[in-house]
Amino acid sequence: MNSVCLLGRLTRDPELRTTNSGISNCRFSLAVEGMLNQDGERQVDFINIVTWRNVANNVAKYCKKGSMVGVVGRIQTGSYQAQDGSTRYTTDVVADNVKFLNSKSDSVENQNSQSANLEDDPFKDFSPAEVVLSDDDLPF
């Protein structure tokens, strides 16, 4: 089974192109947060995404750098010959479905409006503790 589900932010504006036969395709890169490393820093993966047809048109129209999206698709690998004669390998996610969640500017505006009301918030000093799992807690 080849299935991928990702949640992240666009690292650059989407690039919309059209094939010679008139089919739209769109490429963008997604920053996806991963697990914490040994130093307690969050790992980030940068995943190349490709969309086709109506999905491509909609991503190009409604998304931009910083937009939060959910992607469902599949992994596709390939290779090509570079100008220097070497073989280059590629790995992309071909997205069948892209869900538009919000843009980075939307979340900044929401944080600013919420921070103005912190005085009235009974949970303003509450921060949930980070869950730490040991290898013994994992089911595999």
N, C-alpha and C. Protein backbone atom coordinates (compact mmCIF):
# COMPACT_ATOMS: atom_id res chain seq x y z
N MET A 1 0.85 -1.17 0.00
CA MET A 1 0.00 0.00 0.00
C MET A 1 0.89 1.23 0.00
N ASN A 2 0.61 2.18 -0.84
CA ASN A 2 1.37 3.42 -0.96
C ASN A 2 0.43 4.56 -0.65
N SER A 3 0.44 5.02 0.60
CA SER A 3 -0.47 6.07 1.04
C SER A 3 0.25 7.02 1.98
N VAL A 4 0.05 8.32 1.78
CA VAL A 4 0.72 9.35 2.57
C VAL A 4 -0.32 10.36 3.05
N CYS A 5 -0.19 10.76 4.31
CA CYS A 5 -1.04 11.81 4.87
C CYS A 5 -0.13 12.77 5.62
N LEU A 6 -0.11 14.04 5.22
CA LEU A 6 0.79 15.04 5.79
C LEU A 6 0.03 16.28 6.20
N LEU A 7 0.58 16.98 7.20
CA LEU A 7 0.04 18.25 7.65
C LEU A 7 1.21 19.20 7.81
N GLY A 8 1.18 20.33 7.14
CA GLY A 8 2.30 21.26 7.24
C GLY A 8 2.02 22.57 6.54
N ARG A 9 3.08 23.41 6.49
CA ARG A 9 2.98 24.73 5.86
C ARG A 9 3.82 24.78 4.58
N LEU A 10 3.31 25.50 3.57
CA LEU A 10 4.04 25.68 2.34
C LEU A 10 5.29 26.50 2.61
N THR A 11 6.42 26.06 2.07
CA THR A 11 7.68 26.78 2.28
C THR A 11 7.93 27.82 1.20
N ARG A 12 7.15 27.77 0.14
CA ARG A 12 7.25 28.75 -0.95
C ARG A 12 5.91 28.79 -1.67
N ASP A 13 5.72 29.80 -2.48
CA ASP A 13 4.49 29.89 -3.26
C ASP A 13 4.43 28.73 -4.25
N PRO A 14 3.23 28.20 -4.49
CA PRO A 14 3.09 27.09 -5.44
C PRO A 14 3.44 27.54 -6.86
N GLU A 15 4.00 26.62 -7.64
CA GLU A 15 4.36 26.88 -9.04
C GLU A 15 3.39 26.12 -9.94
N LEU A 16 2.52 26.85 -10.64
CA LEU A 16 1.54 26.23 -11.54
C LEU A 16 2.11 26.19 -12.95
N ARG A 17 2.02 25.02 -13.58
CA ARG A 17 2.46 24.83 -14.96
C ARG A 17 1.39 24.06 -15.72
N THR A 18 1.53 24.05 -17.03
CA THR A 18 0.60 23.30 -17.88
C THR A 18 1.41 22.44 -18.84
N THR A 19 1.00 21.19 -18.99
CA THR A 19 1.67 20.30 -19.93
C THR A 19 1.32 20.71 -21.36
N ASN A 20 2.01 20.13 -22.34
CA ASN A 20 1.73 20.42 -23.75
C ASN A 20 0.30 20.06 -24.12
N SER A 21 -0.28 19.08 -23.42
CA SER A 21 -1.66 18.67 -23.72
C SER A 21 -2.68 19.46 -22.90
N GLY A 22 -2.24 20.48 -22.14
CA GLY A 22 -3.16 21.36 -21.44
C GLY A 22 -3.54 20.94 -20.03
N ILE A 23 -2.84 19.97 -19.45
CA ILE A 23 -3.16 19.51 -18.10
C ILE A 23 -2.34 20.32 -17.09
N SER A 24 -3.02 20.87 -16.10
CA SER A 24 -2.36 21.68 -15.07
C SER A 24 -1.65 20.79 -14.07
N ASN A 25 -0.47 21.24 -13.64
CA ASN A 25 0.20 20.62 -12.51
C ASN A 25 0.82 21.71 -11.66
N CYS A 26 0.93 21.43 -10.39
CA CYS A 26 1.41 22.42 -9.43
C CYS A 26 2.41 21.74 -8.50
N ARG A 27 3.53 22.42 -8.25
CA ARG A 27 4.56 21.91 -7.34
C ARG A 27 4.72 22.89 -6.19
N PHE A 28 4.91 22.32 -5.00
CA PHE A 28 5.24 23.13 -3.84
C PHE A 28 5.94 22.26 -2.82
N SER A 29 6.53 22.88 -1.84
CA SER A 29 7.24 22.16 -0.79
C SER A 29 6.52 22.38 0.52
N LEU A 30 6.44 21.34 1.33
CA LEU A 30 5.70 21.38 2.58
C LEU A 30 6.66 21.13 3.74
N ALA A 31 6.64 22.00 4.74
CA ALA A 31 7.42 21.80 5.97
C ALA A 31 6.53 21.05 6.95
N VAL A 32 6.99 19.86 7.36
CA VAL A 32 6.22 18.98 8.23
C VAL A 32 7.01 18.74 9.50
N GLU A 33 6.40 19.04 10.65
CA GLU A 33 7.07 18.81 11.93
C GLU A 33 7.12 17.33 12.24
N GLY A 34 8.25 16.90 12.82
CA GLY A 34 8.42 15.51 13.18
C GLY A 34 8.61 15.36 14.68
N MET A 35 9.33 14.33 15.04
CA MET A 35 9.58 14.01 16.44
C MET A 35 10.63 14.94 17.03
N LEU A 36 10.72 14.95 18.35
CA LEU A 36 11.77 15.69 19.02
C LEU A 36 13.07 14.89 18.93
N ASN A 37 14.19 15.60 18.71
CA ASN A 37 15.47 14.90 18.70
C ASN A 37 16.02 14.81 20.12
N GLN A 38 17.24 14.30 20.27
CA GLN A 38 17.83 14.11 21.60
C GLN A 38 18.04 15.42 22.35
N ASP A 39 18.19 16.53 21.61
CA ASP A 39 18.38 17.83 22.24
C ASP A 39 17.06 18.53 22.57
N GLY A 40 15.95 17.87 22.30
CA GLY A 40 14.64 18.44 22.58
C GLY A 40 14.15 19.39 21.50
N GLU A 41 14.83 19.43 20.36
CA GLU A 41 14.42 20.28 19.26
C GLU A 41 13.53 19.49 18.30
N ARG A 42 12.55 20.18 17.76
CA ARG A 42 11.61 19.55 16.83
C ARG A 42 12.26 19.38 15.47
N GLN A 43 12.24 18.17 14.92
CA GLN A 43 12.75 17.90 13.59
C GLN A 43 11.74 18.40 12.57
N VAL A 44 12.20 18.91 11.45
CA VAL A 44 11.32 19.36 10.37
C VAL A 44 11.77 18.70 9.08
N ASP A 45 10.82 18.12 8.36
CA ASP A 45 11.09 17.54 7.05
C ASP A 45 10.48 18.44 5.99
N PHE A 46 11.18 18.58 4.87
CA PHE A 46 10.70 19.38 3.75
C PHE A 46 10.35 18.42 2.62
N ILE A 47 9.06 18.32 2.33
CA ILE A 47 8.54 17.32 1.40
C ILE A 47 8.08 18.00 0.11
N ASN A 48 8.54 17.49 -1.03
CA ASN A 48 8.10 18.00 -2.33
C ASN A 48 6.76 17.39 -2.68
N ILE A 49 5.81 18.25 -3.07
CA ILE A 49 4.45 17.83 -3.39
C ILE A 49 4.14 18.19 -4.84
N VAL A 50 3.43 17.30 -5.54
CA VAL A 50 2.96 17.55 -6.90
C VAL A 50 1.46 17.30 -6.93
N THR A 51 0.72 18.22 -7.53
CA THR A 51 -0.73 18.05 -7.71
C THR A 51 -1.06 18.21 -9.19
N TRP A 52 -2.20 17.67 -9.59
CA TRP A 52 -2.61 17.70 -10.99
C TRP A 52 -4.05 18.21 -11.14
N ARG A 53 -4.35 18.70 -12.31
CA ARG A 53 -5.68 19.10 -12.76
C ARG A 53 -6.34 20.12 -11.82
N ASN A 54 -7.58 19.87 -11.38
CA ASN A 54 -8.31 20.85 -10.56
C ASN A 54 -7.65 21.09 -9.21
N VAL A 55 -7.07 20.05 -8.62
CA VAL A 55 -6.38 20.23 -7.34
C VAL A 55 -5.22 21.21 -7.53
N ALA A 56 -4.49 21.07 -8.62
CA ALA A 56 -3.37 21.97 -8.92
C ALA A 56 -3.85 23.40 -9.08
N ASN A 57 -4.93 23.59 -9.82
CA ASN A 57 -5.47 24.94 -10.03
C ASN A 57 -5.90 25.57 -8.71
N ASN A 58 -6.56 24.80 -7.85
CA ASN A 58 -7.03 25.33 -6.58
C ASN A 58 -5.88 25.66 -5.63
N VAL A 59 -4.87 24.81 -5.58
CA VAL A 59 -3.71 25.10 -4.72
C VAL A 59 -3.05 26.39 -5.18
N ALA A 60 -2.83 26.55 -6.49
CA ALA A 60 -2.19 27.75 -7.01
C ALA A 60 -3.02 29.00 -6.73
N LYS A 61 -4.34 28.84 -6.75
CA LYS A 61 -5.23 29.99 -6.57
C LYS A 61 -5.38 30.40 -5.10
N TYR A 62 -5.45 29.43 -4.19
CA TYR A 62 -5.81 29.74 -2.81
C TYR A 62 -4.67 29.61 -1.80
N CYS A 63 -3.53 29.08 -2.18
CA CYS A 63 -2.43 28.88 -1.23
C CYS A 63 -1.25 29.76 -1.58
N LYS A 64 -0.45 30.03 -0.56
CA LYS A 64 0.78 30.79 -0.74
C LYS A 64 1.76 30.35 0.34
N LYS A 65 2.95 30.87 0.29
CA LYS A 65 3.96 30.54 1.29
C LYS A 65 3.38 30.78 2.68
N GLY A 66 3.51 29.79 3.58
CA GLY A 66 3.00 29.90 4.94
C GLY A 66 1.62 29.30 5.14
N SER A 67 0.91 28.99 4.06
CA SER A 67 -0.42 28.38 4.19
C SER A 67 -0.32 27.00 4.83
N MET A 68 -1.24 26.72 5.77
CA MET A 68 -1.30 25.40 6.40
C MET A 68 -2.25 24.53 5.58
N VAL A 69 -1.76 23.35 5.17
CA VAL A 69 -2.57 22.43 4.38
C VAL A 69 -2.42 21.00 4.89
N GLY A 70 -3.43 20.20 4.60
CA GLY A 70 -3.36 18.77 4.80
C GLY A 70 -3.30 18.12 3.43
N VAL A 71 -2.44 17.14 3.27
CA VAL A 71 -2.22 16.50 1.97
C VAL A 71 -2.43 15.00 2.11
N VAL A 72 -3.19 14.41 1.18
CA VAL A 72 -3.35 12.97 1.10
C VAL A 72 -2.92 12.56 -0.31
N GLY A 73 -2.03 11.58 -0.38
CA GLY A 73 -1.56 11.15 -1.69
C GLY A 73 -0.71 9.90 -1.60
N ARG A 74 0.28 9.83 -2.51
CA ARG A 74 1.15 8.66 -2.58
C ARG A 74 2.58 9.09 -2.91
N ILE A 75 3.54 8.25 -2.55
CA ILE A 75 4.95 8.51 -2.85
C ILE A 75 5.24 8.09 -4.29
N GLN A 76 6.00 8.92 -4.99
CA GLN A 76 6.44 8.58 -6.34
C GLN A 76 7.94 8.87 -6.44
N THR A 77 8.70 7.90 -6.89
CA THR A 77 10.13 8.10 -7.08
C THR A 77 10.44 8.13 -8.56
N GLY A 78 11.55 8.76 -8.89
CA GLY A 78 11.96 8.83 -10.29
C GLY A 78 13.43 9.16 -10.38
N SER A 79 13.92 9.26 -11.61
CA SER A 79 15.31 9.63 -11.83
C SER A 79 15.42 10.34 -13.16
N TYR A 80 16.52 11.10 -13.32
CA TYR A 80 16.79 11.78 -14.58
C TYR A 80 18.29 11.99 -14.71
N GLN A 81 18.73 12.27 -15.92
CA GLN A 81 20.14 12.53 -16.18
C GLN A 81 20.39 14.04 -16.08
N ALA A 82 21.30 14.44 -15.20
CA ALA A 82 21.67 15.85 -15.06
C ALA A 82 22.57 16.25 -16.23
N GLN A 83 22.79 17.54 -16.39
CA GLN A 83 23.62 18.03 -17.50
C GLN A 83 25.05 17.52 -17.41
N ASP A 84 25.52 17.23 -16.20
CA ASP A 84 26.89 16.73 -16.04
C ASP A 84 26.98 15.22 -16.28
N GLY A 85 25.87 14.58 -16.66
CA GLY A 85 25.86 13.16 -16.97
C GLY A 85 25.54 12.26 -15.79
N SER A 86 25.43 12.83 -14.60
CA SER A 86 25.12 12.02 -13.42
C SER A 86 23.62 11.75 -13.34
N THR A 87 23.29 10.67 -12.66
CA THR A 87 21.89 10.32 -12.47
C THR A 87 21.40 10.94 -11.16
N ARG A 88 20.32 11.65 -11.23
CA ARG A 88 19.71 12.27 -10.05
C ARG A 88 18.41 11.54 -9.75
N TYR A 89 18.16 11.33 -8.45
CA TYR A 89 16.96 10.63 -8.01
C TYR A 89 16.01 11.60 -7.33
N THR A 90 14.72 11.40 -7.54
CA THR A 90 13.71 12.28 -6.95
C THR A 90 12.70 11.46 -6.15
N THR A 91 12.15 12.10 -5.13
CA THR A 91 11.05 11.53 -4.36
C THR A 91 10.04 12.64 -4.14
N ASP A 92 8.82 12.43 -4.59
CA ASP A 92 7.74 13.40 -4.45
C ASP A 92 6.51 12.72 -3.87
N VAL A 93 5.65 13.52 -3.29
CA VAL A 93 4.32 13.06 -2.92
C VAL A 93 3.36 13.58 -3.99
N VAL A 94 2.66 12.68 -4.65
CA VAL A 94 1.63 13.07 -5.61
C VAL A 94 0.33 13.18 -4.82
N ALA A 95 -0.15 14.40 -4.66
CA ALA A 95 -1.32 14.66 -3.82
C ALA A 95 -2.61 14.52 -4.62
N ASP A 96 -3.48 13.66 -4.12
CA ASP A 96 -4.81 13.49 -4.71
C ASP A 96 -5.81 14.46 -4.09
N ASN A 97 -5.52 14.87 -2.85
CA ASN A 97 -6.43 15.73 -2.11
C ASN A 97 -5.61 16.69 -1.25
N VAL A 98 -5.94 17.98 -1.32
CA VAL A 98 -5.29 18.99 -0.49
C VAL A 98 -6.37 19.76 0.23
N LYS A 99 -6.30 19.76 1.55
CA LYS A 99 -7.27 20.47 2.39
C LYS A 99 -6.64 21.78 2.84
N PHE A 100 -7.30 22.91 2.56
CA PHE A 100 -6.79 24.22 2.96
C PHE A 100 -7.23 24.49 4.40
N LEU A 101 -6.26 24.62 5.30
CA LEU A 101 -6.59 24.77 6.72
C LEU A 101 -6.57 26.23 7.16
N ASN A 102 -5.49 26.91 6.94
CA ASN A 102 -5.42 28.36 7.18
C ASN A 102 -4.09 28.86 6.67
N SER A 103 -3.94 30.17 6.63
CA SER A 103 -2.67 30.74 6.21
C SER A 103 -1.92 31.21 7.44
N LYS A 104 -0.64 31.44 7.30
CA LYS A 104 0.19 31.87 8.42
C LYS A 104 -0.31 33.22 8.94
N SER A 105 -0.72 34.12 8.04
CA SER A 105 -1.20 35.44 8.49
C SER A 105 -2.50 35.30 9.27
N ASP A 106 -3.35 34.32 8.90
CA ASP A 106 -4.58 34.09 9.67
C ASP A 106 -4.26 33.69 11.09
N SER A 107 -3.29 32.80 11.27
CA SER A 107 -2.97 32.33 12.61
C SER A 107 -2.32 33.43 13.43
N VAL A 108 -1.53 34.32 12.80
CA VAL A 108 -0.92 35.44 13.53
C VAL A 108 -2.01 36.41 13.99
N GLU A 109 -2.98 36.68 13.11
CA GLU A 109 -4.09 37.57 13.49
C GLU A 109 -4.89 36.98 14.63
N ASN A 110 -5.15 35.66 14.58
CA ASN A 110 -5.90 35.00 15.65
C ASN A 110 -5.15 35.07 16.97
N GLN A 111 -3.81 34.86 16.92
CA GLN A 111 -3.02 34.94 18.15
C GLN A 111 -3.05 36.34 18.73
N ASN A 112 -2.97 37.35 17.86
CA ASN A 112 -3.00 38.73 18.35
C ASN A 112 -4.34 39.06 18.98
N SER A 113 -5.44 38.61 18.37
CA SER A 113 -6.75 38.89 18.94
C SER A 113 -6.97 38.10 20.22
N GLN A 114 -6.42 36.88 20.29
CA GLN A 114 -6.57 36.09 21.51
C GLN A 114 -5.70 36.64 22.64
N SER A 115 -4.51 37.15 22.31
CA SER A 115 -3.64 37.67 23.36
C SER A 115 -4.23 38.91 24.00
N ALA A 116 -5.07 39.64 23.28
CA ALA A 116 -5.72 40.82 23.86
C ALA A 116 -6.70 40.43 24.95
N ASN A 117 -7.23 39.20 24.90
CA ASN A 117 -8.22 38.74 25.87
C ASN A 117 -7.62 37.83 26.94
N LEU A 118 -6.30 37.79 27.08
CA LEU A 118 -5.68 36.89 28.05
C LEU A 118 -6.03 37.23 29.49
N GLU A 119 -6.31 38.50 29.78
CA GLU A 119 -6.61 38.90 31.16
C GLU A 119 -7.87 38.19 31.66
N ASP A 120 -8.80 37.94 30.76
CA ASP A 120 -10.05 37.29 31.14
C ASP A 120 -9.97 35.77 31.08
N ASP A 121 -8.88 35.24 30.59
CA ASP A 121 -8.75 33.81 30.38
C ASP A 121 -8.37 33.12 31.68
N PRO A 122 -9.22 32.24 32.22
CA PRO A 122 -8.89 31.56 33.47
C PRO A 122 -7.74 30.55 33.32
N PHE A 123 -7.41 30.19 32.08
CA PHE A 123 -6.35 29.21 31.83
C PHE A 123 -5.06 29.87 31.32
N LYS A 124 -4.92 31.18 31.50
CA LYS A 124 -3.79 31.88 30.92
C LYS A 124 -2.44 31.38 31.46
N ASP A 125 -2.39 30.89 32.69
CA ASP A 125 -1.14 30.40 33.27
C ASP A 125 -0.98 28.90 33.11
N PHE A 126 -1.94 28.26 32.48
CA PHE A 126 -1.91 26.81 32.33
C PHE A 126 -1.20 26.44 31.04
N SER A 127 -0.23 25.54 31.13
CA SER A 127 0.38 24.98 29.92
C SER A 127 0.49 23.48 30.13
N PRO A 128 -0.07 22.69 29.23
CA PRO A 128 -0.04 21.24 29.41
C PRO A 128 1.39 20.73 29.39
N ALA A 129 1.66 19.76 30.25
CA ALA A 129 2.99 19.17 30.33
C ALA A 129 3.26 18.33 29.09
N GLU A 130 4.49 18.31 28.68
CA GLU A 130 4.88 17.52 27.53
C GLU A 130 4.87 16.04 27.92
N VAL A 131 4.31 15.24 27.06
CA VAL A 131 4.26 13.80 27.30
C VAL A 131 5.58 13.20 26.87
N VAL A 132 6.24 12.51 27.77
CA VAL A 132 7.51 11.86 27.47
C VAL A 132 7.29 10.36 27.50
N LEU A 133 7.62 9.71 26.40
CA LEU A 133 7.45 8.26 26.29
C LEU A 133 8.81 7.59 26.30
N SER A 134 8.89 6.48 26.98
CA SER A 134 10.09 5.67 26.93
C SER A 134 9.88 4.54 25.94
N ASP A 135 10.93 3.83 25.60
CA ASP A 135 10.82 2.71 24.66
C ASP A 135 9.89 1.62 25.21
N ASP A 136 9.78 1.53 26.54
CA ASP A 136 8.89 0.53 27.15
C ASP A 136 7.42 0.84 26.91
N ASP A 137 7.09 2.12 26.63
CA ASP A 137 5.71 2.52 26.42
C ASP A 137 5.21 2.21 25.01
N LEU A 138 6.13 1.98 24.09
CA LEU A 138 5.75 1.76 22.70
C LEU A 138 5.25 0.34 22.49
N PRO A 139 4.20 0.16 21.69
CA PRO A 139 3.62 -1.18 21.50
C PRO A 139 4.40 -2.05 20.53
N PHE A 140 5.49 -1.55 19.97
CA PHE A 140 6.25 -2.35 19.01
C PHE A 140 7.73 -2.29 19.29
